[in-house]
Amino acid sequence: MTNKKNTTLDRLKHKYRLVILNDDTLEEKFSYRLSELNIYIGLSTLLVVLVALTVFIIVITPLKEYIPGYGDTSMRRHVFQVAESTDSLETVILKQQAYITNIQSLLAGEIGTM
């Protein structure tokens, strides 16, 4: 097993030369030595950078509003205001019900201490 592992590692470390030539003059424009390991590391780094950049752009810009389940900030503010007004209306209704109950008790002649 270690022999197979060593051959795979050796294969990944084997050097290749990437050469870019001018097609008309066959002049070498660019040359670079690389290995499969360098390519894997480079592509992995590029992938991580692209994912991080995408997440950064979504978090910073208003694009986050298009993500399902993520509400608009103005909508959140509106929901909070509606919840507040509902709570205050509920309080008013409870007070009115207590007042009506007291009035009904007085009219029925059931005077009691509260």
PDB file of N, CA and C in Angstrom:
ATOM      1  N   MET A   1       0.821  -1.193   0.000  1.00  0.00           N
ATOM      2  CA  MET A   1       0.000   0.000   0.000  1.00  0.00           C
ATOM      3  C   MET A   1       0.868   1.261   0.000  1.00  0.00           C
ATOM      4  N   THR A   2       1.963   1.234   0.759  1.00  0.00           N
ATOM      5  CA  THR A   2       2.822   2.420   0.785  1.00  0.00           C
ATOM      6  C   THR A   2       3.496   2.614  -0.567  1.00  0.00           C
ATOM      7  N   ASN A   3       3.745   1.539  -1.291  1.00  0.00           N
ATOM      8  CA  ASN A   3       4.353   1.646  -2.613  1.00  0.00           C
ATOM      9  C   ASN A   3       3.407   2.362  -3.569  1.00  0.00           C
ATOM     10  N   LYS A   4       2.120   2.012  -3.525  1.00  0.00           N
ATOM     11  CA  LYS A   4       1.132   2.665  -4.377  1.00  0.00           C
ATOM     12  C   LYS A   4       0.984   4.133  -3.981  1.00  0.00           C
ATOM     13  N   LYS A   5       1.022   4.402  -2.681  1.00  0.00           N
ATOM     14  CA  LYS A   5       0.906   5.773  -2.194  1.00  0.00           C
ATOM     15  C   LYS A   5       2.091   6.605  -2.673  1.00  0.00           C
ATOM     16  N   ASN A   6       3.272   6.030  -2.626  1.00  0.00           N
ATOM     17  CA  ASN A   6       4.464   6.741  -3.084  1.00  0.00           C
ATOM     18  C   ASN A   6       4.410   7.010  -4.576  1.00  0.00           C
ATOM     19  N   THR A   7       3.907   6.062  -5.362  1.00  0.00           N
ATOM     20  CA  THR A   7       3.847   6.290  -6.810  1.00  0.00           C
ATOM     21  C   THR A   7       2.835   7.380  -7.144  1.00  0.00           C
ATOM     22  N   THR A   8       1.726   7.440  -6.433  1.00  0.00           N
ATOM     23  CA  THR A   8       0.754   8.498  -6.671  1.00  0.00           C
ATOM     24  C   THR A   8       1.334   9.854  -6.294  1.00  0.00           C
ATOM     25  N   LEU A   9       2.025   9.915  -5.185  1.00  0.00           N
ATOM     26  CA  LEU A   9       2.656  11.161  -4.771  1.00  0.00           C
ATOM     27  C   LEU A   9       3.753  11.564  -5.751  1.00  0.00           C
ATOM     28  N   ASP A  10       4.517  10.594  -6.223  1.00  0.00           N
ATOM     29  CA  ASP A  10       5.551  10.896  -7.224  1.00  0.00           C
ATOM     30  C   ASP A  10       4.929  11.400  -8.523  1.00  0.00           C
ATOM     31  N   ARG A  11       3.819  10.782  -8.913  1.00  0.00           N
ATOM     32  CA  ARG A  11       3.150  11.210 -10.143  1.00  0.00           C
ATOM     33  C   ARG A  11       2.648  12.644  -9.995  1.00  0.00           C
ATOM     34  N   LEU A  12       2.126  12.993  -8.821  1.00  0.00           N
ATOM     35  CA  LEU A  12       1.650  14.350  -8.592  1.00  0.00           C
ATOM     36  C   LEU A  12       2.787  15.366  -8.585  1.00  0.00           C
ATOM     37  N   LYS A  13       3.973  14.929  -8.203  1.00  0.00           N
ATOM     38  CA  LYS A  13       5.124  15.839  -8.133  1.00  0.00           C
ATOM     39  C   LYS A  13       5.913  15.911  -9.437  1.00  0.00           C
ATOM     40  N   HIS A  14       5.608  15.044 -10.392  1.00  0.00           N
ATOM     41  CA  HIS A  14       6.344  15.025 -11.653  1.00  0.00           C
ATOM     42  C   HIS A  14       6.146  16.359 -12.378  1.00  0.00           C
ATOM     43  N   LYS A  15       7.250  16.957 -12.845  1.00  0.00           N
ATOM     44  CA  LYS A  15       7.215  18.291 -13.442  1.00  0.00           C
ATOM     45  C   LYS A  15       6.895  18.228 -14.932  1.00  0.00           C
ATOM     46  N   TYR A  16       6.098  19.195 -15.365  1.00  0.00           N
ATOM     47  CA  TYR A  16       5.761  19.384 -16.770  1.00  0.00           C
ATOM     48  C   TYR A  16       6.077  20.821 -17.126  1.00  0.00           C
ATOM     49  N   ARG A  17       6.200  21.089 -18.416  1.00  0.00           N
ATOM     50  CA  ARG A  17       6.477  22.450 -18.871  1.00  0.00           C
ATOM     51  C   ARG A  17       5.328  22.909 -19.756  1.00  0.00           C
ATOM     52  N   LEU A  18       4.759  24.048 -19.379  1.00  0.00           N
ATOM     53  CA  LEU A  18       3.704  24.677 -20.163  1.00  0.00           C
ATOM     54  C   LEU A  18       4.374  25.769 -20.987  1.00  0.00           C
ATOM     55  N   VAL A  19       4.255  25.664 -22.325  1.00  0.00           N
ATOM     56  CA  VAL A  19       4.904  26.623 -23.221  1.00  0.00           C
ATOM     57  C   VAL A  19       3.843  27.215 -24.141  1.00  0.00           C
ATOM     58  N   ILE A  20       3.881  28.542 -24.273  1.00  0.00           N
ATOM     59  CA  ILE A  20       2.986  29.229 -25.202  1.00  0.00           C
ATOM     60  C   ILE A  20       3.859  29.808 -26.303  1.00  0.00           C
ATOM     61  N   LEU A  21       3.543  29.409 -27.540  1.00  0.00           N
ATOM     62  CA  LEU A  21       4.334  29.814 -28.701  1.00  0.00           C
ATOM     63  C   LEU A  21       3.522  30.692 -29.631  1.00  0.00           C
ATOM     64  N   ASN A  22       4.219  31.592 -30.322  1.00  0.00           N
ATOM     65  CA  ASN A  22       3.609  32.345 -31.399  1.00  0.00           C
ATOM     66  C   ASN A  22       3.463  31.380 -32.571  1.00  0.00           C
ATOM     67  N   ASP A  23       2.255  31.225 -33.098  1.00  0.00           N
ATOM     68  CA  ASP A  23       1.990  30.228 -34.127  1.00  0.00           C
ATOM     69  C   ASP A  23       2.711  30.544 -35.440  1.00  0.00           C
ATOM     70  N   ASP A  24       2.897  31.801 -35.767  1.00  0.00           N
ATOM     71  CA  ASP A  24       3.536  32.166 -37.031  1.00  0.00           C
ATOM     72  C   ASP A  24       5.050  32.030 -36.958  1.00  0.00           C
ATOM     73  N   THR A  25       5.667  32.524 -35.882  1.00  0.00           N
ATOM     74  CA  THR A  25       7.130  32.553 -35.802  1.00  0.00           C
ATOM     75  C   THR A  25       7.694  31.461 -34.909  1.00  0.00           C
ATOM     76  N   LEU A  26       6.855  30.733 -34.235  1.00  0.00           N
ATOM     77  CA  LEU A  26       7.257  29.706 -33.269  1.00  0.00           C
ATOM     78  C   LEU A  26       8.143  30.276 -32.164  1.00  0.00           C
ATOM     79  N   GLU A  27       7.976  31.554 -31.915  1.00  0.00           N
ATOM     80  CA  GLU A  27       8.713  32.200 -30.834  1.00  0.00           C
ATOM     81  C   GLU A  27       8.024  31.884 -29.506  1.00  0.00           C
ATOM     82  N   GLU A  28       8.842  31.540 -28.515  1.00  0.00           N
ATOM     83  CA  GLU A  28       8.305  31.200 -27.196  1.00  0.00           C
ATOM     84  C   GLU A  28       7.904  32.483 -26.484  1.00  0.00           C
ATOM     85  N   LYS A  29       6.612  32.580 -26.142  1.00  0.00           N
ATOM     86  CA  LYS A  29       6.104  33.770 -25.473  1.00  0.00           C
ATOM     87  C   LYS A  29       6.074  33.592 -23.959  1.00  0.00           C
ATOM     88  N   PHE A  30       5.800  32.366 -23.524  1.00  0.00           N
ATOM     89  CA  PHE A  30       5.648  32.120 -22.095  1.00  0.00           C
ATOM     90  C   PHE A  30       5.999  30.664 -21.827  1.00  0.00           C
ATOM     91  N   SER A  31       6.703  30.449 -20.718  1.00  0.00           N
ATOM     92  CA  SER A  31       7.062  29.093 -20.331  1.00  0.00           C
ATOM     93  C   SER A  31       6.977  28.991 -18.819  1.00  0.00           C
ATOM     94  N   TYR A  32       6.394  27.866 -18.347  1.00  0.00           N
ATOM     95  CA  TYR A  32       6.232  27.692 -16.910  1.00  0.00           C
ATOM     96  C   TYR A  32       6.322  26.216 -16.570  1.00  0.00           C
ATOM     97  N   ARG A  33       7.105  25.892 -15.534  1.00  0.00           N
ATOM     98  CA  ARG A  33       7.193  24.514 -15.051  1.00  0.00           C
ATOM     99  C   ARG A  33       6.164  24.320 -13.961  1.00  0.00           C
ATOM    100  N   LEU A  34       5.410  23.233 -14.077  1.00  0.00           N
ATOM    101  CA  LEU A  34       4.402  22.952 -13.079  1.00  0.00           C
ATOM    102  C   LEU A  34       4.205  21.454 -12.950  1.00  0.00           C
ATOM    103  N   SER A  35       3.509  21.073 -11.880  1.00  0.00           N
ATOM    104  CA  SER A  35       3.201  19.664 -11.646  1.00  0.00           C
ATOM    105  C   SER A  35       1.691  19.541 -11.422  1.00  0.00           C
ATOM    106  N   GLU A  36       1.214  18.311 -11.400  1.00  0.00           N
ATOM    107  CA  GLU A  36      -0.211  18.099 -11.148  1.00  0.00           C
ATOM    108  C   GLU A  36      -0.586  18.609  -9.761  1.00  0.00           C
ATOM    109  N   LEU A  37       0.324  18.467  -8.827  1.00  0.00           N
ATOM    110  CA  LEU A  37       0.069  18.960  -7.466  1.00  0.00           C
ATOM    111  C   LEU A  37      -0.115  20.480  -7.473  1.00  0.00           C
ATOM    112  N   ASN A  38       0.713  21.189  -8.246  1.00  0.00           N
ATOM    113  CA  ASN A  38       0.566  22.644  -8.363  1.00  0.00           C
ATOM    114  C   ASN A  38      -0.787  23.015  -8.964  1.00  0.00           C
ATOM    115  N   ILE A  39      -1.213  22.247  -9.951  1.00  0.00           N
ATOM    116  CA  ILE A  39      -2.502  22.522 -10.596  1.00  0.00           C
ATOM    117  C   ILE A  39      -3.640  22.302  -9.607  1.00  0.00           C
ATOM    118  N   TYR A  40      -3.602  21.195  -8.858  1.00  0.00           N
ATOM    119  CA  TYR A  40      -4.648  20.923  -7.868  1.00  0.00           C
ATOM    120  C   TYR A  40      -4.682  22.003  -6.789  1.00  0.00           C
ATOM    121  N   ILE A  41      -3.522  22.400  -6.321  1.00  0.00           N
ATOM    122  CA  ILE A  41      -3.468  23.449  -5.289  1.00  0.00           C
ATOM    123  C   ILE A  41      -3.971  24.777  -5.843  1.00  0.00           C
ATOM    124  N   GLY A  42      -3.573  25.109  -7.053  1.00  0.00           N
ATOM    125  CA  GLY A  42      -4.017  26.362  -7.681  1.00  0.00           C
ATOM    126  C   GLY A  42      -5.515  26.394  -7.913  1.00  0.00           C
ATOM    127  N   LEU A  43      -6.070  25.306  -8.445  1.00  0.00           N
ATOM    128  CA  LEU A  43      -7.509  25.250  -8.681  1.00  0.00           C
ATOM    129  C   LEU A  43      -8.295  25.259  -7.374  1.00  0.00           C
ATOM    130  N   SER A  44      -7.791  24.575  -6.352  1.00  0.00           N
ATOM    131  CA  SER A  44      -8.458  24.578  -5.045  1.00  0.00           C
ATOM    132  C   SER A  44      -8.453  25.976  -4.443  1.00  0.00           C
ATOM    133  N   THR A  45      -7.330  26.659  -4.546  1.00  0.00           N
ATOM    134  CA  THR A  45      -7.231  28.025  -4.034  1.00  0.00           C
ATOM    135  C   THR A  45      -8.182  28.949  -4.790  1.00  0.00           C
ATOM    136  N   LEU A  46      -8.228  28.808  -6.106  1.00  0.00           N
ATOM    137  CA  LEU A  46      -9.130  29.613  -6.919  1.00  0.00           C
ATOM    138  C   LEU A  46     -10.588  29.357  -6.538  1.00  0.00           C
ATOM    139  N   LEU A  47     -10.931  28.099  -6.308  1.00  0.00           N
ATOM    140  CA  LEU A  47     -12.300  27.757  -5.909  1.00  0.00           C
ATOM    141  C   LEU A  47     -12.657  28.379  -4.564  1.00  0.00           C
ATOM    142  N   VAL A  48     -11.759  28.291  -3.603  1.00  0.00           N
ATOM    143  CA  VAL A  48     -12.017  28.870  -2.273  1.00  0.00           C
ATOM    144  C   VAL A  48     -12.154  30.392  -2.381  1.00  0.00           C
ATOM    145  N   VAL A  49     -11.317  31.023  -3.166  1.00  0.00           N
ATOM    146  CA  VAL A  49     -11.389  32.481  -3.329  1.00  0.00           C
ATOM    147  C   VAL A  49     -12.698  32.877  -3.994  1.00  0.00           C
ATOM    148  N   LEU A  50     -13.134  32.137  -5.018  1.00  0.00           N
ATOM    149  CA  LEU A  50     -14.390  32.457  -5.690  1.00  0.00           C
ATOM    150  C   LEU A  50     -15.593  32.277  -4.760  1.00  0.00           C
ATOM    151  N   VAL A  51     -15.586  31.231  -3.971  1.00  0.00           N
ATOM    152  CA  VAL A  51     -16.683  31.019  -3.016  1.00  0.00           C
ATOM    153  C   VAL A  51     -16.693  32.137  -1.977  1.00  0.00           C
ATOM    154  N   ALA A  52     -15.528  32.479  -1.444  1.00  0.00           N
ATOM    155  CA  ALA A  52     -15.447  33.545  -0.442  1.00  0.00           C
ATOM    156  C   ALA A  52     -15.892  34.880  -1.042  1.00  0.00           C
ATOM    157  N   LEU A  53     -15.491  35.158  -2.272  1.00  0.00           N
ATOM    158  CA  LEU A  53     -15.891  36.400  -2.937  1.00  0.00           C
ATOM    159  C   LEU A  53     -17.397  36.434  -3.168  1.00  0.00           C
ATOM    160  N   THR A  54     -17.978  35.312  -3.576  1.00  0.00           N
ATOM    161  CA  THR A  54     -19.421  35.238  -3.790  1.00  0.00           C
ATOM    162  C   THR A  54     -20.177  35.471  -2.484  1.00  0.00           C
ATOM    163  N   VAL A  55     -19.752  34.828  -1.417  1.00  0.00           N
ATOM    164  CA  VAL A  55     -20.402  35.014  -0.115  1.00  0.00           C
ATOM    165  C   VAL A  55     -20.256  36.465   0.338  1.00  0.00           C
ATOM    166  N   PHE A  56     -19.078  37.044   0.158  1.00  0.00           N
ATOM    167  CA  PHE A  56     -18.839  38.438   0.540  1.00  0.00           C
ATOM    168  C   PHE A  56     -19.761  39.379  -0.224  1.00  0.00           C
ATOM    169  N   ILE A  57     -19.914  39.160  -1.529  1.00  0.00           N
ATOM    170  CA  ILE A  57     -20.775  40.020  -2.348  1.00  0.00           C
ATOM    171  C   ILE A  57     -22.230  39.879  -1.918  1.00  0.00           C
ATOM    172  N   ILE A  58     -22.672  38.660  -1.624  1.00  0.00           N
ATOM    173  CA  ILE A  58     -24.060  38.460  -1.211  1.00  0.00           C
ATOM    174  C   ILE A  58     -24.324  39.106   0.142  1.00  0.00           C
ATOM    175  N   VAL A  59     -23.372  39.025   1.065  1.00  0.00           N
ATOM    176  CA  VAL A  59     -23.572  39.589   2.403  1.00  0.00           C
ATOM    177  C   VAL A  59     -23.575  41.114   2.369  1.00  0.00           C
ATOM    178  N   ILE A  60     -22.718  41.709   1.559  1.00  0.00           N
ATOM    179  CA  ILE A  60     -22.564  43.167   1.545  1.00  0.00           C
ATOM    180  C   ILE A  60     -23.663  43.854   0.737  1.00  0.00           C
ATOM    181  N   THR A  61     -24.058  43.295  -0.384  1.00  0.00           N
ATOM    182  CA  THR A  61     -25.009  43.953  -1.284  1.00  0.00           C
ATOM    183  C   THR A  61     -26.446  43.542  -0.973  1.00  0.00           C
ATOM    184  N   PRO A  62     -27.407  44.201  -1.585  1.00  0.00           N
ATOM    185  CA  PRO A  62     -28.820  43.834  -1.380  1.00  0.00           C
ATOM    186  C   PRO A  62     -29.211  42.499  -2.020  1.00  0.00           C
ATOM    187  N   LEU A  63     -28.276  41.775  -2.594  1.00  0.00           N
ATOM    188  CA  LEU A  63     -28.596  40.466  -3.180  1.00  0.00           C
ATOM    189  C   LEU A  63     -29.105  39.479  -2.137  1.00  0.00           C
ATOM    190  N   LYS A  64     -28.771  39.715  -0.877  1.00  0.00           N
ATOM    191  CA  LYS A  64     -29.193  38.791   0.181  1.00  0.00           C
ATOM    192  C   LYS A  64     -30.705  38.748   0.320  1.00  0.00           C
ATOM    193  N   GLU A  65     -31.395  39.775  -0.170  1.00  0.00           N
ATOM    194  CA  GLU A  65     -32.851  39.789  -0.089  1.00  0.00           C
ATOM    195  C   GLU A  65     -33.484  38.761  -1.012  1.00  0.00           C
ATOM    196  N   TYR A  66     -32.753  38.286  -2.012  1.00  0.00           N
ATOM    197  CA  TYR A  66     -33.279  37.296  -2.945  1.00  0.00           C
ATOM    198  C   TYR A  66     -33.104  35.867  -2.441  1.00  0.00           C
ATOM    199  N   ILE A  67     -32.426  35.704  -1.320  1.00  0.00           N
ATOM    200  CA  ILE A  67     -32.250  34.380  -0.739  1.00  0.00           C
ATOM    201  C   ILE A  67     -33.547  34.003  -0.025  1.00  0.00           C
ATOM    202  N   PRO A  68     -34.110  32.830  -0.334  1.00  0.00           N
ATOM    203  CA  PRO A  68     -35.363  32.439   0.321  1.00  0.00           C
ATOM    204  C   PRO A  68     -35.188  32.358   1.839  1.00  0.00           C
ATOM    205  N   GLY A  69     -36.145  32.920   2.559  1.00  0.00           N
ATOM    206  CA  GLY A  69     -36.100  32.903   4.009  1.00  0.00           C
ATOM    207  C   GLY A  69     -35.414  34.109   4.613  1.00  0.00           C
ATOM    208  N   TYR A  70     -34.777  34.924   3.793  1.00  0.00           N
ATOM    209  CA  TYR A  70     -34.114  36.121   4.305  1.00  0.00           C
ATOM    210  C   TYR A  70     -34.983  37.309   3.957  1.00  0.00           C
ATOM    211  N   GLY A  71     -35.559  37.946   4.957  1.00  0.00           N
ATOM    212  CA  GLY A  71     -36.499  39.035   4.728  1.00  0.00           C
ATOM    213  C   GLY A  71     -35.814  40.366   4.482  1.00  0.00           C
ATOM    214  N   ASP A  72     -36.576  41.254   3.911  1.00  0.00           N
ATOM    215  CA  ASP A  72     -36.129  42.617   3.679  1.00  0.00           C
ATOM    216  C   ASP A  72     -36.099  43.364   5.016  1.00  0.00           C
ATOM    217  N   THR A  73     -35.161  44.273   5.198  1.00  0.00           N
ATOM    218  CA  THR A  73     -35.049  44.995   6.466  1.00  0.00           C
ATOM    219  C   THR A  73     -36.265  45.884   6.698  1.00  0.00           C
ATOM    220  N   SER A  74     -36.795  46.493   5.644  1.00  0.00           N
ATOM    221  CA  SER A  74     -37.989  47.324   5.814  1.00  0.00           C
ATOM    222  C   SER A  74     -39.192  46.449   6.163  1.00  0.00           C
ATOM    223  N   MET A  75     -39.236  45.236   5.636  1.00  0.00           N
ATOM    224  CA  MET A  75     -40.323  44.326   5.971  1.00  0.00           C
ATOM    225  C   MET A  75     -40.237  43.908   7.435  1.00  0.00           C
ATOM    226  N   ARG A  76     -39.032  43.667   7.924  1.00  0.00           N
ATOM    227  CA  ARG A  76     -38.852  43.326   9.341  1.00  0.00           C
ATOM    228  C   ARG A  76     -39.326  44.465  10.232  1.00  0.00           C
ATOM    229  N   ARG A  77     -38.978  45.687   9.860  1.00  0.00           N
ATOM    230  CA  ARG A  77     -39.389  46.860  10.629  1.00  0.00           C
ATOM    231  C   ARG A  77     -40.916  46.964  10.635  1.00  0.00           C
ATOM    232  N   HIS A  78     -41.535  46.725   9.479  1.00  0.00           N
ATOM    233  CA  HIS A  78     -42.990  46.799   9.372  1.00  0.00           C
ATOM    234  C   HIS A  78     -43.653  45.706  10.223  1.00  0.00           C
ATOM    235  N   VAL A  79     -43.113  44.509  10.208  1.00  0.00           N
ATOM    236  CA  VAL A  79     -43.650  43.409  11.022  1.00  0.00           C
ATOM    237  C   VAL A  79     -43.552  43.761  12.501  1.00  0.00           C
ATOM    238  N   PHE A  80     -42.454  44.350  12.920  1.00  0.00           N
ATOM    239  CA  PHE A  80     -42.300  44.755  14.318  1.00  0.00           C
ATOM    240  C   PHE A  80     -43.339  45.809  14.697  1.00  0.00           C
ATOM    241  N   GLN A  81     -43.571  46.782  13.809  1.00  0.00           N
ATOM    242  CA  GLN A  81     -44.568  47.819  14.086  1.00  0.00           C
ATOM    243  C   GLN A  81     -45.967  47.220  14.169  1.00  0.00           C
ATOM    244  N   VAL A  82     -46.287  46.283  13.297  1.00  0.00           N
ATOM    245  CA  VAL A  82     -47.600  45.640  13.330  1.00  0.00           C
ATOM    246  C   VAL A  82     -47.763  44.837  14.619  1.00  0.00           C
ATOM    247  N   ALA A  83     -46.709  44.154  15.047  1.00  0.00           N
ATOM    248  CA  ALA A  83     -46.772  43.393  16.298  1.00  0.00           C
ATOM    249  C   ALA A  83     -46.987  44.319  17.493  1.00  0.00           C
ATOM    250  N   GLU A  84     -46.313  45.470  17.480  1.00  0.00           N
ATOM    251  CA  GLU A  84     -46.487  46.448  18.561  1.00  0.00           C
ATOM    252  C   GLU A  84     -47.913  46.973  18.610  1.00  0.00           C
ATOM    253  N   SER A  85     -48.456  47.341  17.452  1.00  0.00           N
ATOM    254  CA  SER A  85     -49.817  47.884  17.433  1.00  0.00           C
ATOM    255  C   SER A  85     -50.834  46.810  17.809  1.00  0.00           C
ATOM    256  N   THR A  86     -50.596  45.561  17.415  1.00  0.00           N
ATOM    257  CA  THR A  86     -51.488  44.465  17.804  1.00  0.00           C
ATOM    258  C   THR A  86     -51.481  44.282  19.306  1.00  0.00           C
ATOM    259  N   ASP A  87     -50.312  44.358  19.903  1.00  0.00           N
ATOM    260  CA  ASP A  87     -50.201  44.216  21.353  1.00  0.00           C
ATOM    261  C   ASP A  87     -50.938  45.343  22.074  1.00  0.00           C
ATOM    262  N   SER A  88     -50.786  46.566  21.588  1.00  0.00           N
ATOM    263  CA  SER A  88     -51.466  47.682  22.243  1.00  0.00           C
ATOM    264  C   SER A  88     -52.980  47.590  22.037  1.00  0.00           C
ATOM    265  N   LEU A  89     -53.432  47.131  20.875  1.00  0.00           N
ATOM    266  CA  LEU A  89     -54.874  46.956  20.653  1.00  0.00           C
ATOM    267  C   LEU A  89     -55.438  45.862  21.554  1.00  0.00           C
ATOM    268  N   GLU A  90     -54.686  44.831  21.772  1.00  0.00           N
ATOM    269  CA  GLU A  90     -55.122  43.763  22.663  1.00  0.00           C
ATOM    270  C   GLU A  90     -55.282  44.296  24.090  1.00  0.00           C
ATOM    271  N   THR A  91     -54.353  45.117  24.515  1.00  0.00           N
ATOM    272  CA  THR A  91     -54.436  45.720  25.847  1.00  0.00           C
ATOM    273  C   THR A  91     -55.675  46.600  25.965  1.00  0.00           C
ATOM    274  N   VAL A  92     -55.960  47.400  24.947  1.00  0.00           N
ATOM    275  CA  VAL A  92     -57.131  48.277  24.956  1.00  0.00           C
ATOM    276  C   VAL A  92     -58.410  47.448  25.012  1.00  0.00           C
ATOM    277  N   ILE A  93     -58.485  46.376  24.245  1.00  0.00           N
ATOM    278  CA  ILE A  93     -59.679  45.521  24.235  1.00  0.00           C
ATOM    279  C   ILE A  93     -59.895  44.876  25.598  1.00  0.00           C
ATOM    280  N   LEU A  94     -58.836  44.406  26.236  1.00  0.00           N
ATOM    281  CA  LEU A  94     -58.974  43.809  27.566  1.00  0.00           C
ATOM    282  C   LEU A  94     -59.486  44.828  28.589  1.00  0.00           C
ATOM    283  N   LYS A  95     -58.994  46.061  28.504  1.00  0.00           N
ATOM    284  CA  LYS A  95     -59.462  47.113  29.415  1.00  0.00           C
ATOM    285  C   LYS A  95     -60.927  47.448  29.155  1.00  0.00           C
ATOM    286  N   GLN A  96     -61.323  47.493  27.878  1.00  0.00           N
ATOM    287  CA  GLN A  96     -62.716  47.774  27.544  1.00  0.00           C
ATOM    288  C   GLN A  96     -63.634  46.651  28.012  1.00  0.00           C
ATOM    289  N   GLN A  97     -63.181  45.407  27.884  1.00  0.00           N
ATOM    290  CA  GLN A  97     -63.994  44.283  28.351  1.00  0.00           C
ATOM    291  C   GLN A  97     -64.177  44.343  29.872  1.00  0.00           C
ATOM    292  N   ALA A  98     -63.122  44.686  30.589  1.00  0.00           N
ATOM    293  CA  ALA A  98     -63.229  44.824  32.049  1.00  0.00           C
ATOM    294  C   ALA A  98     -64.188  45.955  32.396  1.00  0.00           C
ATOM    295  N   TYR A  99     -64.131  47.060  31.669  1.00  0.00           N
ATOM    296  CA  TYR A  99     -65.029  48.198  31.908  1.00  0.00           C
ATOM    297  C   TYR A  99     -66.483  47.793  31.651  1.00  0.00           C
ATOM    298  N   ILE A 100     -66.736  47.106  30.549  1.00  0.00           N
ATOM    299  CA  ILE A 100     -68.105  46.673  30.219  1.00  0.00           C
ATOM    300  C   ILE A 100     -68.622  45.697  31.271  1.00  0.00           C
ATOM    301  N   THR A 101     -67.774  44.805  31.732  1.00  0.00           N
ATOM    302  CA  THR A 101     -68.168  43.858  32.779  1.00  0.00           C
ATOM    303  C   THR A 101     -68.541  44.601  34.052  1.00  0.00           C
ATOM    304  N   ASN A 102     -67.786  45.607  34.423  1.00  0.00           N
ATOM    305  CA  ASN A 102     -68.092  46.417  35.610  1.00  0.00           C
ATOM    306  C   ASN A 102     -69.413  47.165  35.452  1.00  0.00           C
ATOM    307  N   ILE A 103     -69.640  47.737  34.261  1.00  0.00           N
ATOM    308  CA  ILE A 103     -70.890  48.463  34.013  1.00  0.00           C
ATOM    309  C   ILE A 103     -72.078  47.494  34.095  1.00  0.00           C
ATOM    310  N   GLN A 104     -71.933  46.305  33.507  1.00  0.00           N
ATOM    311  CA  GLN A 104     -73.011  45.315  33.554  1.00  0.00           C
ATOM    312  C   GLN A 104     -73.302  44.891  34.998  1.00  0.00           C
ATOM    313  N   SER A 105     -72.275  44.751  35.801  1.00  0.00           N
ATOM    314  CA  SER A 105     -72.457  44.388  37.210  1.00  0.00           C
ATOM    315  C   SER A 105     -73.200  45.482  37.956  1.00  0.00           C
ATOM    316  N   LEU A 106     -72.853  46.738  37.686  1.00  0.00           N
ATOM    317  CA  LEU A 106     -73.528  47.864  38.340  1.00  0.00           C
ATOM    318  C   LEU A 106     -74.995  47.924  37.935  1.00  0.00           C
ATOM    319  N   LEU A 107     -75.274  47.724  36.652  1.00  0.00           N
ATOM    320  CA  LEU A 107     -76.644  47.785  36.168  1.00  0.00           C
ATOM    321  C   LEU A 107     -77.488  46.623  36.696  1.00  0.00           C
ATOM    322  N   ALA A 108     -76.858  45.494  36.920  1.00  0.00           N
ATOM    323  CA  ALA A 108     -77.573  44.338  37.433  1.00  0.00           C
ATOM    324  C   ALA A 108     -77.750  44.424  38.953  1.00  0.00           C
ATOM    325  N   GLY A 109     -77.127  45.367  39.558  1.00  0.00           N
ATOM    326  CA  GLY A 109     -77.263  45.550  40.997  1.00  0.00           C
ATOM    327  C   GLY A 109     -76.270  44.738  41.782  1.00  0.00           C
ATOM    328  N   GLU A 110     -75.297  44.216  41.159  1.00  0.00           N
ATOM    329  CA  GLU A 110     -74.267  43.443  41.849  1.00  0.00           C
ATOM    330  C   GLU A 110     -73.090  44.356  42.159  1.00  0.00           C
ATOM    331  N   ILE A 111     -73.245  45.119  43.194  1.00  0.00           N
ATOM    332  CA  ILE A 111     -72.181  46.045  43.550  1.00  0.00           C
ATOM    333  C   ILE A 111     -71.175  45.279  44.413  1.00  0.00           C
ATOM    334  N   GLY A 112     -69.967  45.220  43.942  1.00  0.00           N
ATOM    335  CA  GLY A 112     -68.939  44.499  44.672  1.00  0.00           C
ATOM    336  C   GLY A 112     -67.670  45.319  44.750  1.00  0.00           C
ATOM    337  N   THR A 113     -66.788  44.915  45.598  1.00  0.00           N
ATOM    338  CA  THR A 113     -65.509  45.603  45.704  1.00  0.00           C
ATOM    339  C   THR A 113     -64.520  44.952  44.755  1.00  0.00           C
ATOM    340  N   MET A 114     -63.730  45.748  44.167  1.00  0.00           N
ATOM    341  CA  MET A 114     -62.762  45.231  43.208  1.00  0.00           C
ATOM    342  C   MET A 114     -61.359  45.543  43.593  1.00  0.00           C
TER     343      MET A 114
END
